[in-house]
Amino acid sequence: YGSARIYASARVYGDARVCGSAWVYGSARIYGNARIYGNVQVYGNAQVYGSARICERQWIRFGYCTKYTLVDLLRCSLGVNPTASGYIYVYKRVNIDYTSEHDNTFVYPKEGLVEAKEYDPDPTKSCAPGLHFSTNEYWPLNDETKERMLVAKVHIDDIIACQEGKIRVKRAEILG
């Protein structure tokens, strides 16, 4: 897509996408649900796969980049570790009537699946369309008569961005 370039023995397959000004060359392999975009170069024997996202001005050479890079980011940014099945447990502060603090037309369920009406797939954007979750320390309750805290289970494949002490996701399961 865009002005992206793929050449030499490089391969892109599966549901992987390369776009923007990205270059993929040498014997690099991009596959799975990986996304490569921006001013990125992936080359040599590098492999990018799983749900990995390489964006902006990153260069990957001879290494591997997988969704496990996200696991490290979650551990360092939020202090959470995914379960063996890939889930993390996070929190969301909402209004007492379960509406979003930023969009009172969006109502979170008391329990069950919640999906973003729309979301921006760009992982470099912290505050963009999507559902936002974090640790309970990030969302202090200021007035328990007007706010409540929800606990959610999120699969790491549904995480779009992890920045500024929070995650932005496509969907989550509200546990209560």
N, C-alpha and C. Protein backbone atom coordinates (compact mmCIF):
# COMPACT_ATOMS: atom_id res chain seq x y z
N TYR A 1 0.83 -1.19 0.00
CA TYR A 1 0.00 0.00 0.00
C TYR A 1 0.87 1.25 0.00
N GLY A 2 0.34 2.34 -0.49
CA GLY A 2 1.08 3.59 -0.48
C GLY A 2 2.36 3.46 -1.28
N SER A 3 3.45 4.00 -0.77
CA SER A 3 4.73 3.93 -1.47
C SER A 3 5.64 2.86 -0.86
N ALA A 4 5.06 1.89 -0.18
CA ALA A 4 5.85 0.81 0.43
C ALA A 4 6.59 0.03 -0.65
N ARG A 5 7.78 -0.51 -0.29
CA ARG A 5 8.59 -1.27 -1.24
C ARG A 5 8.95 -2.62 -0.64
N ILE A 6 8.77 -3.66 -1.44
CA ILE A 6 9.15 -5.02 -1.05
C ILE A 6 10.00 -5.56 -2.19
N TYR A 7 11.24 -5.93 -1.89
CA TYR A 7 12.09 -6.39 -2.98
C TYR A 7 13.15 -7.37 -2.49
N ALA A 8 14.01 -7.79 -3.41
CA ALA A 8 15.01 -8.85 -3.20
C ALA A 8 14.25 -10.14 -2.88
N SER A 9 14.66 -10.87 -1.86
CA SER A 9 14.00 -12.14 -1.52
C SER A 9 12.98 -11.98 -0.41
N ALA A 10 12.63 -10.76 -0.08
CA ALA A 10 11.67 -10.51 1.01
C ALA A 10 10.30 -11.08 0.66
N ARG A 11 9.55 -11.50 1.68
CA ARG A 11 8.23 -12.07 1.48
C ARG A 11 7.25 -11.49 2.50
N VAL A 12 6.03 -11.23 2.03
CA VAL A 12 4.93 -10.79 2.89
C VAL A 12 3.77 -11.72 2.58
N TYR A 13 3.23 -12.37 3.61
CA TYR A 13 2.15 -13.32 3.35
C TYR A 13 1.22 -13.43 4.54
N GLY A 14 0.16 -14.24 4.39
CA GLY A 14 -0.87 -14.33 5.42
C GLY A 14 -1.71 -13.07 5.38
N ASP A 15 -2.11 -12.57 6.53
CA ASP A 15 -2.88 -11.32 6.61
C ASP A 15 -1.99 -10.12 6.90
N ALA A 16 -0.69 -10.27 6.73
CA ALA A 16 0.25 -9.18 7.01
C ALA A 16 0.04 -8.03 6.04
N ARG A 17 0.36 -6.81 6.49
CA ARG A 17 0.22 -5.61 5.66
C ARG A 17 1.49 -4.78 5.76
N VAL A 18 1.92 -4.25 4.63
CA VAL A 18 3.04 -3.32 4.57
C VAL A 18 2.54 -2.08 3.85
N CYS A 19 2.69 -0.91 4.46
CA CYS A 19 2.16 0.30 3.83
C CYS A 19 2.97 1.52 4.23
N GLY A 20 2.53 2.67 3.75
CA GLY A 20 3.24 3.92 4.02
C GLY A 20 4.54 3.95 3.24
N SER A 21 5.60 4.36 3.87
CA SER A 21 6.92 4.44 3.23
C SER A 21 7.83 3.29 3.65
N ALA A 22 7.24 2.21 4.13
CA ALA A 22 8.02 1.08 4.66
C ALA A 22 8.78 0.37 3.55
N TRP A 23 9.96 -0.17 3.91
CA TRP A 23 10.77 -0.98 3.02
C TRP A 23 10.99 -2.34 3.67
N VAL A 24 10.76 -3.38 2.90
CA VAL A 24 11.03 -4.75 3.35
C VAL A 24 11.92 -5.38 2.29
N TYR A 25 13.11 -5.83 2.68
CA TYR A 25 14.04 -6.34 1.68
C TYR A 25 15.00 -7.36 2.29
N GLY A 26 15.93 -7.82 1.46
CA GLY A 26 16.83 -8.88 1.90
C GLY A 26 16.05 -10.18 1.96
N SER A 27 16.21 -10.93 3.02
CA SER A 27 15.47 -12.18 3.21
C SER A 27 14.40 -12.03 4.29
N ALA A 28 13.97 -10.81 4.53
CA ALA A 28 12.99 -10.55 5.59
C ALA A 28 11.66 -11.24 5.30
N ARG A 29 10.96 -11.61 6.36
CA ARG A 29 9.66 -12.26 6.27
C ARG A 29 8.67 -11.51 7.16
N ILE A 30 7.52 -11.17 6.60
CA ILE A 30 6.44 -10.51 7.33
C ILE A 30 5.22 -11.41 7.18
N TYR A 31 4.63 -11.85 8.29
CA TYR A 31 3.49 -12.76 8.15
C TYR A 31 2.61 -12.73 9.38
N GLY A 32 1.56 -13.56 9.35
CA GLY A 32 0.56 -13.55 10.43
C GLY A 32 -0.31 -12.32 10.28
N ASN A 33 -0.56 -11.62 11.36
CA ASN A 33 -1.34 -10.37 11.33
C ASN A 33 -0.44 -9.15 11.51
N ALA A 34 0.84 -9.29 11.19
CA ALA A 34 1.80 -8.20 11.40
C ALA A 34 1.46 -6.99 10.54
N ARG A 35 1.78 -5.81 11.05
CA ARG A 35 1.57 -4.56 10.33
C ARG A 35 2.88 -3.78 10.33
N ILE A 36 3.30 -3.36 9.15
CA ILE A 36 4.53 -2.60 8.97
C ILE A 36 4.15 -1.31 8.26
N TYR A 37 4.45 -0.15 8.87
CA TYR A 37 4.10 1.10 8.20
C TYR A 37 4.92 2.26 8.73
N GLY A 38 4.82 3.39 8.04
CA GLY A 38 5.63 4.55 8.39
C GLY A 38 6.99 4.43 7.73
N ASN A 39 7.98 5.08 8.27
CA ASN A 39 9.35 5.06 7.73
C ASN A 39 10.13 3.91 8.35
N VAL A 40 9.68 2.71 8.12
CA VAL A 40 10.24 1.50 8.72
C VAL A 40 11.08 0.76 7.70
N GLN A 41 12.15 0.12 8.16
CA GLN A 41 12.93 -0.78 7.32
C GLN A 41 13.07 -2.12 8.03
N VAL A 42 12.67 -3.18 7.35
CA VAL A 42 12.81 -4.54 7.86
C VAL A 42 13.66 -5.27 6.82
N TYR A 43 14.80 -5.81 7.24
CA TYR A 43 15.72 -6.36 6.26
C TYR A 43 16.60 -7.44 6.87
N GLY A 44 17.55 -7.94 6.06
CA GLY A 44 18.40 -9.03 6.52
C GLY A 44 17.54 -10.28 6.65
N ASN A 45 17.72 -11.01 7.72
CA ASN A 45 16.91 -12.20 7.98
C ASN A 45 15.83 -11.92 9.01
N ALA A 46 15.43 -10.67 9.15
CA ALA A 46 14.43 -10.29 10.15
C ALA A 46 13.09 -10.95 9.86
N GLN A 47 12.36 -11.24 10.94
CA GLN A 47 11.02 -11.79 10.83
C GLN A 47 10.09 -11.00 11.73
N VAL A 48 8.95 -10.61 11.19
CA VAL A 48 7.92 -9.90 11.95
C VAL A 48 6.65 -10.71 11.77
N TYR A 49 6.05 -11.15 12.89
CA TYR A 49 4.90 -12.03 12.76
C TYR A 49 4.00 -11.93 13.98
N GLY A 50 2.95 -12.77 13.98
CA GLY A 50 1.97 -12.70 15.06
C GLY A 50 1.15 -11.44 14.90
N SER A 51 0.94 -10.73 15.97
CA SER A 51 0.20 -9.47 15.93
C SER A 51 1.15 -8.28 16.10
N ALA A 52 2.40 -8.45 15.71
CA ALA A 52 3.40 -7.39 15.89
C ALA A 52 3.09 -6.18 15.04
N ARG A 53 3.46 -5.01 15.54
CA ARG A 53 3.30 -3.75 14.82
C ARG A 53 4.66 -3.04 14.80
N ILE A 54 5.14 -2.72 13.63
CA ILE A 54 6.38 -1.96 13.48
C ILE A 54 5.99 -0.67 12.78
N CYS A 55 6.28 0.47 13.41
CA CYS A 55 5.82 1.73 12.84
C CYS A 55 6.82 2.85 13.09
N GLU A 56 6.55 3.95 12.44
CA GLU A 56 7.37 5.16 12.53
C GLU A 56 8.78 4.92 12.03
N ARG A 57 9.82 5.14 12.82
CA ARG A 57 11.19 5.11 12.33
C ARG A 57 11.99 3.92 12.87
N GLN A 58 11.40 2.75 12.93
CA GLN A 58 12.09 1.58 13.45
C GLN A 58 12.80 0.82 12.33
N TRP A 59 13.93 0.23 12.66
CA TRP A 59 14.66 -0.62 11.75
C TRP A 59 14.86 -1.96 12.44
N ILE A 60 14.50 -3.03 11.78
CA ILE A 60 14.65 -4.38 12.32
C ILE A 60 15.57 -5.15 11.37
N ARG A 61 16.66 -5.70 11.91
CA ARG A 61 17.60 -6.44 11.07
C ARG A 61 18.04 -7.71 11.81
N PHE A 62 17.91 -8.84 11.18
CA PHE A 62 18.35 -10.13 11.70
C PHE A 62 17.62 -10.58 12.97
N GLY A 63 16.65 -9.84 13.43
CA GLY A 63 15.96 -10.21 14.66
C GLY A 63 14.55 -10.65 14.42
N TYR A 64 13.85 -10.86 15.51
CA TYR A 64 12.46 -11.26 15.47
C TYR A 64 11.64 -10.23 16.20
N CYS A 65 10.49 -9.93 15.67
CA CYS A 65 9.56 -9.05 16.36
C CYS A 65 8.21 -9.74 16.33
N THR A 66 7.68 -10.02 17.49
CA THR A 66 6.41 -10.74 17.60
C THR A 66 5.50 -10.00 18.55
N LYS A 67 4.33 -10.58 18.79
CA LYS A 67 3.43 -9.97 19.77
C LYS A 67 4.05 -9.99 21.16
N TYR A 68 5.10 -10.79 21.37
CA TYR A 68 5.74 -10.84 22.68
C TYR A 68 6.45 -9.53 23.01
N THR A 69 6.75 -8.72 21.99
CA THR A 69 7.26 -7.38 22.24
C THR A 69 6.20 -6.60 23.01
N LEU A 70 4.94 -6.80 22.66
CA LEU A 70 3.83 -6.17 23.37
C LEU A 70 3.76 -6.67 24.81
N VAL A 71 4.03 -7.93 25.03
CA VAL A 71 4.02 -8.48 26.39
C VAL A 71 5.03 -7.74 27.26
N ASP A 72 6.22 -7.50 26.74
CA ASP A 72 7.22 -6.74 27.49
C ASP A 72 6.76 -5.32 27.76
N LEU A 73 6.13 -4.70 26.77
CA LEU A 73 5.62 -3.34 26.94
C LEU A 73 4.53 -3.29 28.01
N LEU A 74 3.63 -4.26 28.02
CA LEU A 74 2.58 -4.32 29.04
C LEU A 74 3.18 -4.49 30.43
N ARG A 75 4.17 -5.35 30.53
CA ARG A 75 4.82 -5.60 31.81
C ARG A 75 5.53 -4.34 32.32
N CYS A 76 6.22 -3.64 31.43
CA CYS A 76 6.97 -2.45 31.84
C CYS A 76 6.08 -1.23 32.04
N SER A 77 5.05 -1.07 31.22
CA SER A 77 4.20 0.12 31.29
C SER A 77 3.11 0.03 32.35
N LEU A 78 2.47 -1.14 32.43
CA LEU A 78 1.32 -1.28 33.32
C LEU A 78 1.57 -2.23 34.49
N GLY A 79 2.65 -2.99 34.42
CA GLY A 79 2.91 -3.97 35.47
C GLY A 79 1.98 -5.17 35.40
N VAL A 80 1.47 -5.47 34.20
CA VAL A 80 0.59 -6.63 34.04
C VAL A 80 1.27 -7.65 33.14
N ASN A 81 1.01 -8.91 33.42
CA ASN A 81 1.53 -10.01 32.62
C ASN A 81 0.36 -10.81 32.08
N PRO A 82 0.34 -11.09 30.77
CA PRO A 82 -0.74 -11.92 30.23
C PRO A 82 -0.72 -13.33 30.82
N THR A 83 -1.90 -13.91 30.91
CA THR A 83 -2.03 -15.30 31.33
C THR A 83 -1.47 -16.19 30.22
N ALA A 84 -1.38 -17.48 30.47
CA ALA A 84 -0.89 -18.42 29.46
C ALA A 84 -1.76 -18.40 28.21
N SER A 85 -3.05 -18.04 28.36
CA SER A 85 -3.94 -17.97 27.21
C SER A 85 -3.99 -16.58 26.58
N GLY A 86 -3.14 -15.65 27.07
CA GLY A 86 -3.00 -14.34 26.42
C GLY A 86 -3.92 -13.24 26.91
N TYR A 87 -4.48 -13.38 28.10
CA TYR A 87 -5.39 -12.35 28.63
C TYR A 87 -4.71 -11.52 29.71
N ILE A 88 -5.11 -10.24 29.78
CA ILE A 88 -4.70 -9.39 30.89
C ILE A 88 -5.97 -8.88 31.57
N TYR A 89 -5.84 -8.51 32.82
CA TYR A 89 -6.96 -7.97 33.60
C TYR A 89 -6.67 -6.51 33.89
N VAL A 90 -7.60 -5.66 33.48
CA VAL A 90 -7.42 -4.22 33.58
C VAL A 90 -8.71 -3.57 34.10
N TYR A 91 -8.66 -2.27 34.29
CA TYR A 91 -9.78 -1.53 34.89
C TYR A 91 -10.24 -0.39 34.00
N LYS A 92 -11.48 0.04 34.25
CA LYS A 92 -12.06 1.17 33.53
C LYS A 92 -12.98 1.93 34.48
N ARG A 93 -12.76 3.24 34.61
CA ARG A 93 -13.66 4.07 35.40
C ARG A 93 -14.75 4.59 34.47
N VAL A 94 -16.01 4.43 34.90
CA VAL A 94 -17.15 4.90 34.13
C VAL A 94 -18.07 5.70 35.04
N ASN A 95 -19.03 6.37 34.44
CA ASN A 95 -20.05 7.07 35.22
C ASN A 95 -20.91 6.05 35.96
N ILE A 96 -21.61 6.48 36.98
CA ILE A 96 -22.42 5.58 37.81
C ILE A 96 -23.46 4.81 36.99
N ASP A 97 -23.92 5.40 35.86
CA ASP A 97 -24.91 4.73 35.00
C ASP A 97 -24.25 3.89 33.90
N TYR A 98 -22.96 3.60 34.04
CA TYR A 98 -22.17 2.78 33.13
C TYR A 98 -21.85 3.46 31.80
N THR A 99 -22.12 4.75 31.66
CA THR A 99 -21.74 5.45 30.44
C THR A 99 -20.27 5.86 30.52
N SER A 100 -19.68 6.02 29.35
CA SER A 100 -18.28 6.45 29.27
C SER A 100 -18.14 7.88 29.77
N GLU A 101 -17.03 8.16 30.42
CA GLU A 101 -16.76 9.52 30.87
C GLU A 101 -16.52 10.47 29.70
N HIS A 102 -16.15 9.93 28.54
CA HIS A 102 -15.83 10.77 27.39
C HIS A 102 -16.90 10.75 26.31
N ASP A 103 -17.88 9.86 26.42
CA ASP A 103 -18.97 9.77 25.44
C ASP A 103 -20.18 9.20 26.17
N ASN A 104 -21.07 10.07 26.64
CA ASN A 104 -22.20 9.58 27.44
C ASN A 104 -23.24 8.82 26.64
N THR A 105 -23.04 8.67 25.32
CA THR A 105 -23.93 7.81 24.54
C THR A 105 -23.41 6.37 24.49
N PHE A 106 -22.16 6.17 24.93
CA PHE A 106 -21.59 4.83 24.94
C PHE A 106 -21.78 4.23 26.32
N VAL A 107 -22.50 3.11 26.38
CA VAL A 107 -22.81 2.46 27.65
C VAL A 107 -22.05 1.14 27.74
N TYR A 108 -21.28 0.98 28.81
CA TYR A 108 -20.59 -0.28 29.07
C TYR A 108 -21.58 -1.25 29.70
N PRO A 109 -21.48 -2.55 29.39
CA PRO A 109 -22.35 -3.52 30.04
C PRO A 109 -21.90 -3.75 31.49
N LYS A 110 -22.83 -4.21 32.33
CA LYS A 110 -22.44 -4.56 33.70
C LYS A 110 -21.52 -5.77 33.67
N GLU A 111 -21.78 -6.65 32.73
CA GLU A 111 -20.94 -7.83 32.47
C GLU A 111 -21.09 -8.19 31.01
N GLY A 112 -20.06 -8.79 30.44
CA GLY A 112 -20.15 -9.27 29.06
C GLY A 112 -19.23 -8.53 28.11
N LEU A 113 -19.35 -8.88 26.84
CA LEU A 113 -18.48 -8.35 25.80
C LEU A 113 -18.84 -6.91 25.47
N VAL A 114 -17.82 -6.08 25.32
CA VAL A 114 -17.99 -4.70 24.86
C VAL A 114 -17.03 -4.51 23.69
N GLU A 115 -17.53 -3.90 22.61
CA GLU A 115 -16.70 -3.65 21.44
C GLU A 115 -16.76 -2.18 21.08
N ALA A 116 -15.65 -1.65 20.60
CA ALA A 116 -15.60 -0.26 20.17
C ALA A 116 -16.48 -0.09 18.93
N LYS A 117 -17.27 0.98 18.91
CA LYS A 117 -18.08 1.27 17.73
C LYS A 117 -17.17 1.47 16.53
N GLU A 118 -16.06 2.14 16.77
CA GLU A 118 -15.02 2.35 15.77
C GLU A 118 -13.70 2.48 16.51
N TYR A 119 -12.61 2.20 15.82
CA TYR A 119 -11.31 2.37 16.45
C TYR A 119 -10.28 2.74 15.40
N ASP A 120 -9.27 3.45 15.83
CA ASP A 120 -8.15 3.82 14.97
C ASP A 120 -7.09 2.74 15.14
N PRO A 121 -6.68 2.05 14.07
CA PRO A 121 -5.73 0.95 14.20
C PRO A 121 -4.28 1.37 14.42
N ASP A 122 -4.01 2.66 14.44
CA ASP A 122 -2.63 3.16 14.57
C ASP A 122 -2.13 3.01 16.00
N PRO A 123 -1.13 2.14 16.25
CA PRO A 123 -0.64 1.93 17.61
C PRO A 123 0.20 3.08 18.15
N THR A 124 0.51 4.06 17.32
CA THR A 124 1.28 5.20 17.80
C THR A 124 0.40 6.26 18.44
N LYS A 125 -0.91 6.09 18.36
CA LYS A 125 -1.85 7.06 18.93
C LYS A 125 -2.41 6.53 20.24
N SER A 126 -2.14 7.23 21.32
CA SER A 126 -2.63 6.83 22.63
C SER A 126 -4.10 7.20 22.79
N CYS A 127 -4.41 8.46 22.54
CA CYS A 127 -5.78 8.95 22.67
C CYS A 127 -6.41 9.03 21.29
N ALA A 128 -7.13 8.00 20.93
CA ALA A 128 -7.78 7.90 19.64
C ALA A 128 -8.99 6.99 19.82
N PRO A 129 -9.86 6.88 18.82
CA PRO A 129 -11.03 6.01 18.97
C PRO A 129 -10.65 4.58 19.34
N GLY A 130 -11.39 4.03 20.27
CA GLY A 130 -11.18 2.70 20.80
C GLY A 130 -11.58 2.69 22.26
N LEU A 131 -11.49 1.56 22.91
CA LEU A 131 -11.80 1.44 24.34
C LEU A 131 -10.50 1.56 25.12
N HIS A 132 -10.52 2.35 26.19
CA HIS A 132 -9.31 2.61 26.98
C HIS A 132 -9.42 1.94 28.35
N PHE A 133 -8.35 1.23 28.74
CA PHE A 133 -8.28 0.55 30.03
C PHE A 133 -6.90 0.77 30.62
N SER A 134 -6.78 0.55 31.92
CA SER A 134 -5.48 0.65 32.58
C SER A 134 -5.55 -0.08 33.92
N THR A 135 -4.63 0.29 34.80
CA THR A 135 -4.62 -0.26 36.15
C THR A 135 -5.59 0.53 37.03
N ASN A 136 -5.94 -0.01 38.18
CA ASN A 136 -6.85 0.73 39.06
C ASN A 136 -6.18 1.98 39.62
N GLU A 137 -4.85 2.02 39.67
CA GLU A 137 -4.16 3.24 40.12
C GLU A 137 -4.32 4.38 39.12
N TYR A 138 -4.44 4.04 37.84
CA TYR A 138 -4.60 5.05 36.79
C TYR A 138 -5.98 5.71 36.88
N TRP A 139 -6.98 4.95 37.30
CA TRP A 139 -8.37 5.42 37.33
C TRP A 139 -8.86 5.57 38.77
N PRO A 140 -8.37 6.49 39.56
CA PRO A 140 -8.87 6.61 40.93
C PRO A 140 -10.34 7.04 40.94
N LEU A 141 -11.09 6.53 41.91
CA LEU A 141 -12.48 6.96 42.07
C LEU A 141 -12.48 8.26 42.86
N ASN A 142 -12.99 9.31 42.25
CA ASN A 142 -13.03 10.61 42.90
C ASN A 142 -14.30 10.82 43.70
N ASP A 143 -15.40 10.23 43.22
CA ASP A 143 -16.69 10.39 43.89
C ASP A 143 -17.50 9.11 43.65
N GLU A 144 -17.56 8.25 44.66
CA GLU A 144 -18.22 6.95 44.50
C GLU A 144 -19.71 7.06 44.26
N THR A 145 -20.29 8.23 44.44
CA THR A 145 -21.71 8.40 44.14
C THR A 145 -21.92 8.73 42.66
N LYS A 146 -20.85 9.06 41.94
CA LYS A 146 -20.96 9.43 40.53
C LYS A 146 -20.15 8.54 39.60
N GLU A 147 -19.25 7.73 40.16
CA GLU A 147 -18.36 6.90 39.34
C GLU A 147 -18.33 5.47 39.86
N ARG A 148 -17.95 4.57 38.99
CA ARG A 148 -17.73 3.18 39.40
C ARG A 148 -16.57 2.61 38.60
N MET A 149 -15.99 1.55 39.13
CA MET A 149 -14.85 0.90 38.50
C MET A 149 -15.30 -0.44 37.92
N LEU A 150 -14.92 -0.70 36.67
CA LEU A 150 -15.19 -1.98 36.04
C LEU A 150 -13.88 -2.75 35.91
N VAL A 151 -13.97 -4.06 36.01
CA VAL A 151 -12.82 -4.94 35.78
C VAL A 151 -13.07 -5.61 34.43
N ALA A 152 -12.02 -5.66 33.61
CA ALA A 152 -12.17 -6.23 32.27
C ALA A 152 -11.06 -7.23 31.98
N LYS A 153 -11.37 -8.17 31.12
CA LYS A 153 -10.41 -9.14 30.61
C LYS A 153 -10.21 -8.82 29.13
N VAL A 154 -8.95 -8.62 28.73
CA VAL A 154 -8.62 -8.24 27.36
C VAL A 154 -7.59 -9.22 26.81
N HIS A 155 -7.82 -9.73 25.61
CA HIS A 155 -6.83 -10.58 24.97
C HIS A 155 -5.79 -9.69 24.29
N ILE A 156 -4.53 -10.08 24.34
CA ILE A 156 -3.48 -9.22 23.78
C ILE A 156 -3.65 -8.99 22.28
N ASP A 157 -4.33 -9.89 21.56
CA ASP A 157 -4.56 -9.67 20.14
C ASP A 157 -5.55 -8.53 19.89
N ASP A 158 -6.31 -8.14 20.91
CA ASP A 158 -7.28 -7.04 20.78
C ASP A 158 -6.70 -5.70 21.19
N ILE A 159 -5.44 -5.67 21.61
CA ILE A 159 -4.80 -4.42 22.02
C ILE A 159 -4.29 -3.69 20.78
N ILE A 160 -4.66 -2.43 20.67
CA ILE A 160 -4.21 -1.60 19.55
C ILE A 160 -2.96 -0.82 19.94
N ALA A 161 -3.00 -0.20 21.12
CA ALA A 161 -1.90 0.66 21.57
C ALA A 161 -1.66 0.48 23.06
N CYS A 162 -0.42 0.66 23.47
CA CYS A 162 -0.05 0.65 24.89
C CYS A 162 0.89 1.83 25.08
N GLN A 163 0.34 2.92 25.60
CA GLN A 163 1.11 4.14 25.80
C GLN A 163 0.55 4.93 26.96
N GLU A 164 1.37 5.77 27.54
CA GLU A 164 0.95 6.73 28.55
C GLU A 164 0.20 6.08 29.71
N GLY A 165 0.60 4.86 30.08
CA GLY A 165 0.01 4.19 31.23
C GLY A 165 -1.34 3.55 30.99
N LYS A 166 -1.74 3.41 29.74
CA LYS A 166 -3.03 2.79 29.44
C LYS A 166 -2.94 2.01 28.14
N ILE A 167 -3.98 1.21 27.89
CA ILE A 167 -4.09 0.49 26.62
C ILE A 167 -5.35 0.96 25.91
N ARG A 168 -5.30 0.86 24.59
CA ARG A 168 -6.47 1.14 23.75
C ARG A 168 -6.77 -0.15 23.01
N VAL A 169 -8.03 -0.60 23.07
CA VAL A 169 -8.37 -1.92 22.55
C VAL A 169 -9.60 -1.87 21.65
N LYS A 170 -9.78 -2.97 20.90
CA LYS A 170 -10.96 -3.14 20.04
C LYS A 170 -12.14 -3.67 20.83
N ARG A 171 -11.86 -4.62 21.74
CA ARG A 171 -12.94 -5.27 22.50
C ARG A 171 -12.40 -5.75 23.83
N ALA A 172 -13.32 -5.97 24.76
CA ALA A 172 -12.97 -6.47 26.09
C ALA A 172 -14.17 -7.19 26.68
N GLU A 173 -13.90 -8.05 27.64
CA GLU A 173 -14.98 -8.70 28.38
C GLU A 173 -15.05 -8.06 29.76
N ILE A 174 -16.19 -7.43 30.03
CA ILE A 174 -16.39 -6.80 31.34
C ILE A 174 -16.78 -7.89 32.33
N LEU A 175 -16.04 -7.98 33.42
CA LEU A 175 -16.29 -9.01 34.43
C LEU A 175 -17.14 -8.50 35.58
N GLY A 176 -17.27 -7.22 35.69
CA GLY A 176 -18.10 -6.64 36.76
C GLY A 176 -17.51 -5.37 37.29
